[in-house]
Amino acid sequence: MNSTFRFLWGLLLAVTSLASLVQPQTAPPARLVSPEVHPDQSVTFRFRAPNAKEVLLGREGTKPVPLEKDDQGVWSLTTAPLEPDYYGYAFIADGVRLMDPSNPLQ
């Protein structure tokens, strides 16, 4: 029993070590700030969608506008200064309307 236990324990350690080589650990992506209101009252919207082909920002009362994608798969857009108010908006990723997952008030 003792030798069987040691064998299984050694096998478990070997498999665990091998798994860490095959699937390297990566840090979780940084939390996005969206929307981010700047001192001049412009607003930056951010949305993480590395596999999306197109992401638009749909704001109430305006036509959807395209966001730009960075090398990390984060899409963003900064508006012109806006009057202080509540603005309804959604992201449209490849034709699918989505709420902003980074905005706890939405």
Protein backbone atom coordinates (compact mmCIF):
# COMPACT_ATOMS: atom_id res chain seq x y z
CA MET A 1 0.00 0.00 0.00
CA ASN A 2 2.80 2.42 0.87
CA SER A 3 4.60 1.89 -2.46
CA THR A 4 1.30 2.21 -4.36
CA PHE A 5 0.58 5.49 -2.60
CA ARG A 6 4.05 6.83 -3.42
CA PHE A 7 3.68 5.75 -7.06
CA LEU A 8 0.29 7.49 -7.38
CA TRP A 9 1.59 10.60 -5.63
CA GLY A 10 4.59 10.73 -7.98
CA LEU A 11 2.29 10.24 -10.98
CA LEU A 12 0.03 13.07 -9.80
CA LEU A 13 3.01 15.41 -9.39
CA ALA A 14 4.31 14.49 -12.86
CA VAL A 15 0.92 15.10 -14.51
CA THR A 16 0.49 18.41 -12.66
CA SER A 17 3.96 19.57 -13.75
CA LEU A 18 3.31 18.52 -17.33
CA ALA A 19 -0.06 20.31 -17.39
CA SER A 20 1.56 23.56 -16.29
CA LEU A 21 3.96 23.30 -19.23
CA VAL A 22 1.21 22.57 -21.76
CA GLN A 23 -1.22 25.24 -20.52
CA PRO A 24 0.81 28.25 -19.42
CA GLN A 25 -0.76 30.44 -16.77
CA THR A 26 -1.89 33.84 -18.01
CA ALA A 27 -3.00 36.79 -15.96
CA PRO A 28 -6.67 37.71 -16.24
CA PRO A 29 -7.32 40.72 -18.45
CA ALA A 30 -7.27 44.08 -16.73
CA ARG A 31 -10.64 45.52 -15.74
CA LEU A 32 -11.88 48.04 -18.26
CA VAL A 33 -13.10 51.47 -17.24
CA SER A 34 -16.20 52.23 -19.30
CA PRO A 35 -17.62 54.75 -19.58
CA GLU A 36 -14.79 57.09 -18.54
CA VAL A 37 -15.74 60.76 -18.27
CA HIS A 38 -12.82 63.12 -18.85
CA PRO A 39 -12.34 66.64 -17.38
CA ASP A 40 -13.47 68.22 -20.68
CA GLN A 41 -16.74 66.17 -20.47
CA SER A 42 -15.74 63.89 -23.37
CA VAL A 43 -16.44 60.22 -22.67
CA THR A 44 -14.43 57.13 -23.58
CA PHE A 45 -16.33 53.88 -24.06
CA ARG A 46 -14.44 50.57 -24.02
CA PHE A 47 -15.52 47.03 -24.85
CA ARG A 48 -13.39 43.85 -24.85
CA ALA A 49 -14.20 41.66 -27.86
CA PRO A 50 -10.97 40.33 -29.42
CA ASN A 51 -12.78 38.12 -31.94
CA ALA A 52 -15.35 40.68 -33.10
CA LYS A 53 -15.13 41.97 -36.65
CA GLU A 54 -17.00 45.22 -35.91
CA VAL A 55 -18.18 47.00 -32.76
CA LEU A 56 -20.44 50.04 -32.82
CA LEU A 57 -21.62 52.36 -30.08
CA GLY A 58 -25.35 52.96 -30.19
CA ARG A 59 -26.40 56.00 -28.13
CA GLU A 60 -30.00 57.09 -27.76
CA GLY A 61 -30.91 59.66 -30.41
CA THR A 62 -27.77 59.13 -32.52
CA LYS A 63 -26.67 56.86 -35.34
CA PRO A 64 -24.35 54.00 -34.28
CA VAL A 65 -20.67 54.88 -34.65
CA PRO A 66 -17.73 52.45 -35.03
CA LEU A 67 -15.17 51.85 -32.30
CA GLU A 68 -11.48 51.16 -32.98
CA LYS A 69 -9.78 47.94 -31.87
CA ASP A 70 -6.35 47.87 -30.19
CA ASP A 71 -3.83 45.00 -30.20
CA GLN A 72 -5.32 43.64 -26.93
CA GLY A 73 -8.79 43.19 -28.45
CA VAL A 74 -10.26 46.22 -26.69
CA TRP A 75 -12.52 48.42 -28.78
CA SER A 76 -12.80 52.10 -27.81
CA LEU A 77 -14.28 55.42 -28.82
CA THR A 78 -13.98 58.88 -27.28
CA THR A 79 -16.86 61.26 -27.88
CA ALA A 80 -16.82 65.01 -28.20
CA PRO A 81 -17.68 66.77 -24.93
CA LEU A 82 -21.23 65.97 -23.78
CA GLU A 83 -23.60 67.94 -21.60
CA PRO A 84 -24.02 66.32 -18.17
CA ASP A 85 -27.04 63.99 -18.41
CA TYR A 86 -28.01 60.33 -18.43
CA TYR A 87 -27.31 58.77 -21.82
CA GLY A 88 -28.62 55.36 -22.78
CA TYR A 89 -26.20 53.35 -24.89
CA ALA A 90 -25.28 49.83 -25.96
CA PHE A 91 -22.49 48.17 -27.88
CA ILE A 92 -23.33 46.41 -31.12
CA ALA A 93 -20.77 43.65 -31.72
CA ASP A 94 -21.11 41.94 -35.10
CA GLY A 95 -24.79 42.90 -35.19
CA VAL A 96 -25.62 41.83 -31.62
CA ARG A 97 -26.76 44.56 -29.19
CA LEU A 98 -25.02 44.20 -25.80
CA MET A 99 -25.03 46.15 -22.55
CA ASP A 100 -21.72 47.46 -21.25
CA PRO A 101 -20.35 44.75 -18.91
CA SER A 102 -17.97 47.30 -17.36
CA ASN A 103 -20.76 49.67 -16.30
CA PRO A 104 -22.35 48.60 -13.00
CA LEU A 105 -25.13 51.22 -13.40
CA GLN A 106 -26.40 49.90 -16.71
